Amino acid sequence: MKTPVLDSAKVGRPDQKGFYRRRVLRIYPLYVSGVLASLLPFCFTGGTAISTYNAHFELASVGTVIGNLFFLQEFFVRSLPANGPLRTLAVEVFCYLLAPLFFRMPSWVLMGIVAISGTAFALHPYLHLGFFGSLSYGLPALFLIWAWLGGCLFHRLGNADLIHRPSIYCRRRDGNYPNCVA
């Protein structure tokens, strides 16, 4: 997942001017196209259910479609069954909305959230909760936020020279690090 920090020149916080406008212009047009494309097959069946070899798809209600258009799937409404990958964008938008809070948190707090979320993700198969797309009430955010925050942490710590510190064995006498890989 792409983090807002990675495309910003500022270290540790996104470029404030136009941050959310750029995200909406980047994500929303393609997202709406995906939502509409997931409804298109039902135009050819008159709205009746579609069965395939190993899946069964029903036309989503108007409320579910509207909820999906506002990225509320997996929080308040079900995701559209005919286009499963769209469900993860709700978690990404959730992260973007919380980005100002995340960027003010100390790294150790973010590491704790990543640890909790990563542990929940690793334990998910043993909890017998079903596929992520069938979960509600924000549980998918709990299971997936580690990836988004992990990218933020990697960028934050990398810019703080904590990850990409060159090896002391590469240092020349003048203090430079020519062509060294840590």
Protein backbone atom coordinates (compact mmCIF):
# COMPACT_ATOMS: atom_id res chain seq x y z
CA MET A 1 0.00 0.00 0.00
CA LYS A 2 1.17 3.49 -0.76
CA THR A 3 1.51 5.75 2.23
CA PRO A 4 0.85 9.49 2.16
CA VAL A 5 4.33 10.21 3.48
CA LEU A 6 6.09 8.49 0.62
CA ASP A 7 4.88 10.98 -1.96
CA SER A 8 5.56 14.02 0.18
CA ALA A 9 8.75 16.00 0.41
CA LYS A 10 8.24 16.59 4.12
CA VAL A 11 9.53 14.09 6.63
CA GLY A 12 7.07 12.58 9.08
CA ARG A 13 3.92 14.39 7.93
CA PRO A 14 2.09 14.74 4.64
CA ASP A 15 2.12 17.92 2.62
CA GLN A 16 -0.86 19.68 4.17
CA LYS A 17 -1.86 21.75 1.14
CA GLY A 18 -4.06 19.69 -1.12
CA PHE A 19 -3.33 16.38 0.63
CA TYR A 20 -6.92 15.09 0.70
CA ARG A 21 -7.84 16.65 -2.65
CA ARG A 22 -4.98 14.73 -4.31
CA ARG A 23 -6.10 11.49 -2.65
CA VAL A 24 -9.71 11.94 -3.76
CA LEU A 25 -8.64 12.74 -7.33
CA ARG A 26 -6.34 9.73 -7.36
CA ILE A 27 -8.64 7.14 -5.79
CA TYR A 28 -12.29 8.10 -6.21
CA PRO A 29 -12.82 8.18 -10.02
CA LEU A 30 -11.38 4.71 -10.51
CA TYR A 31 -13.14 3.47 -7.39
CA VAL A 32 -16.57 4.66 -8.62
CA SER A 33 -15.83 2.97 -11.95
CA GLY A 34 -15.10 -0.25 -10.06
CA VAL A 35 -18.34 -0.02 -8.08
CA LEU A 36 -20.36 0.57 -11.24
CA ALA A 37 -18.52 -2.23 -13.06
CA SER A 38 -19.46 -4.64 -10.29
CA LEU A 39 -23.14 -3.82 -10.90
CA LEU A 40 -22.92 -4.14 -14.68
CA PRO A 41 -23.35 -7.95 -14.93
CA PHE A 42 -26.71 -7.66 -13.17
CA CYS A 43 -27.98 -5.41 -15.98
CA PHE A 44 -27.73 -8.42 -18.29
CA THR A 45 -29.50 -10.79 -15.89
CA GLY A 46 -32.35 -8.47 -14.97
CA GLY A 47 -31.06 -8.23 -11.40
CA THR A 48 -31.26 -11.94 -10.69
CA ALA A 49 -28.45 -13.72 -8.87
CA ILE A 50 -25.43 -14.94 -10.80
CA SER A 51 -23.95 -18.34 -10.03
CA THR A 52 -20.54 -19.47 -11.16
CA TYR A 53 -18.60 -22.67 -10.59
CA ASN A 54 -17.66 -21.80 -7.00
CA ALA A 55 -19.43 -18.55 -6.19
CA HIS A 56 -22.87 -17.01 -5.96
CA PHE A 57 -23.42 -13.27 -6.43
CA GLU A 58 -26.55 -11.32 -5.64
CA LEU A 59 -27.39 -7.77 -6.60
CA ALA A 60 -26.54 -5.48 -3.71
CA SER A 61 -29.21 -3.27 -2.19
CA VAL A 62 -29.26 0.46 -2.90
CA GLY A 63 -28.13 1.13 0.68
CA THR A 64 -25.15 -1.18 0.28
CA VAL A 65 -24.15 0.51 -2.99
CA ILE A 66 -24.42 3.97 -1.42
CA GLY A 67 -22.47 2.81 1.63
CA ASN A 68 -19.77 1.43 -0.65
CA LEU A 69 -19.62 4.71 -2.58
CA PHE A 70 -18.79 6.42 0.74
CA PHE A 71 -16.21 3.75 1.74
CA LEU A 72 -18.38 2.47 4.59
CA GLN A 73 -18.04 -1.19 3.63
CA GLU A 74 -16.75 -3.43 6.36
CA PHE A 75 -17.58 -0.75 8.89
CA PHE A 76 -21.34 -0.25 8.48
CA VAL A 77 -22.38 -2.08 5.29
CA ARG A 78 -21.22 -5.22 3.50
CA SER A 79 -18.80 -4.92 0.64
CA LEU A 80 -20.09 -5.52 -2.87
CA PRO A 81 -19.87 -9.26 -3.43
CA ALA A 82 -19.14 -8.98 -7.15
CA ASN A 83 -15.94 -6.93 -6.69
CA GLY A 84 -14.12 -8.07 -3.56
CA PRO A 85 -10.87 -6.10 -3.97
CA LEU A 86 -12.76 -2.82 -3.54
CA ARG A 87 -13.26 -3.66 0.12
CA THR A 88 -9.65 -2.90 1.05
CA LEU A 89 -10.00 0.69 -0.12
CA ALA A 90 -12.28 1.38 2.84
CA VAL A 91 -9.38 0.51 5.14
CA GLU A 92 -7.04 2.71 3.11
CA VAL A 93 -9.44 5.66 3.27
CA PHE A 94 -9.80 5.04 7.01
CA CYS A 95 -6.01 5.32 7.29
CA TYR A 96 -5.94 8.51 5.22
CA LEU A 97 -8.57 10.06 7.47
CA LEU A 98 -6.55 9.16 10.53
CA ALA A 99 -3.23 10.20 8.95
CA PRO A 100 -2.97 13.52 10.85
CA LEU A 101 -3.36 11.61 14.12
CA PHE A 102 -0.88 8.93 13.07
CA PHE A 103 1.74 11.49 12.07
CA ARG A 104 1.56 13.12 15.49
CA MET A 105 2.01 9.82 17.33
CA PRO A 106 5.46 8.79 18.50
CA SER A 107 7.03 5.90 16.58
CA TRP A 108 6.82 3.54 19.55
CA VAL A 109 3.00 3.95 19.65
CA LEU A 110 2.77 3.23 15.93
CA MET A 111 5.01 0.20 16.39
CA GLY A 112 2.64 -1.03 19.09
CA ILE A 113 -0.36 -0.64 16.76
CA VAL A 114 1.54 -2.43 13.99
CA ALA A 115 2.43 -5.24 16.41
CA ILE A 116 -1.19 -5.65 17.56
CA SER A 117 -2.56 -5.50 14.02
CA GLY A 118 0.13 -7.81 12.65
CA THR A 119 -0.53 -10.31 15.40
CA ALA A 120 -4.27 -10.17 14.71
CA PHE A 121 -3.55 -10.68 11.00
CA ALA A 122 -1.35 -13.70 11.75
CA LEU A 123 -3.95 -15.19 14.10
CA HIS A 124 -6.90 -14.56 11.76
CA PRO A 125 -6.94 -18.08 10.30
CA TYR A 126 -7.08 -19.58 13.79
CA LEU A 127 -9.95 -17.34 14.95
CA HIS A 128 -12.42 -18.89 12.45
CA LEU A 129 -13.98 -15.53 11.62
CA GLY A 130 -14.33 -16.16 7.91
CA PHE A 131 -12.93 -14.24 4.98
CA PHE A 132 -12.06 -10.55 5.51
CA GLY A 133 -14.82 -9.51 3.12
CA SER A 134 -17.44 -11.06 5.39
CA LEU A 135 -16.36 -9.11 8.47
CA SER A 136 -17.93 -5.88 9.73
CA TYR A 137 -17.59 -3.29 12.46
CA GLY A 138 -14.08 -2.26 11.41
CA LEU A 139 -12.48 -5.65 12.04
CA PRO A 140 -10.83 -5.60 8.60
CA ALA A 141 -9.08 -2.37 9.63
CA LEU A 142 -7.72 -4.14 12.70
CA PHE A 143 -6.39 -6.99 10.55
CA LEU A 144 -4.96 -4.81 7.75
CA ILE A 145 -3.75 -1.52 9.25
CA TRP A 146 -0.32 -3.00 9.98
CA ALA A 147 0.63 -2.76 6.30
CA TRP A 148 -0.26 0.92 5.95
CA LEU A 149 1.31 1.98 9.23
CA GLY A 150 4.31 -0.26 8.56
CA GLY A 151 4.97 1.72 5.38
CA CYS A 152 4.67 4.98 7.31
CA LEU A 153 7.09 3.74 9.95
CA PHE A 154 9.57 2.48 7.39
CA HIS A 155 9.57 5.87 5.71
CA ARG A 156 9.74 7.78 8.99
CA LEU A 157 12.59 5.72 10.39
CA GLY A 158 14.37 5.59 7.06
CA ASN A 159 14.39 9.38 6.88
CA ALA A 160 15.65 9.53 10.43
CA ASP A 161 18.67 7.51 9.21
CA LEU A 162 17.81 4.63 11.50
CA ILE A 163 17.30 2.01 8.83
CA HIS A 164 19.67 3.01 6.02
CA ARG A 165 22.69 3.78 8.19
CA PRO A 166 25.83 2.81 6.24
CA SER A 167 28.18 0.34 7.79
CA ILE A 168 31.15 1.78 9.66
CA TYR A 169 33.35 -0.50 7.56
CA CYS A 170 32.49 1.49 4.42
CA ARG A 171 33.48 4.88 5.83
CA ARG A 172 36.41 6.61 4.22
CA ARG A 173 38.85 8.68 6.23
CA ASP A 174 37.10 11.89 5.13
CA GLY A 175 33.82 10.62 6.65
CA ASN A 176 31.99 9.98 3.34
CA TYR A 177 30.23 6.75 2.43
CA PRO A 178 30.89 6.20 -1.29
CA ASN A 179 28.88 3.41 -2.90
CA CYS A 180 28.26 1.60 0.37
CA VAL A 181 25.36 -0.65 1.11
CA ALA A 182 24.51 -1.16 4.76
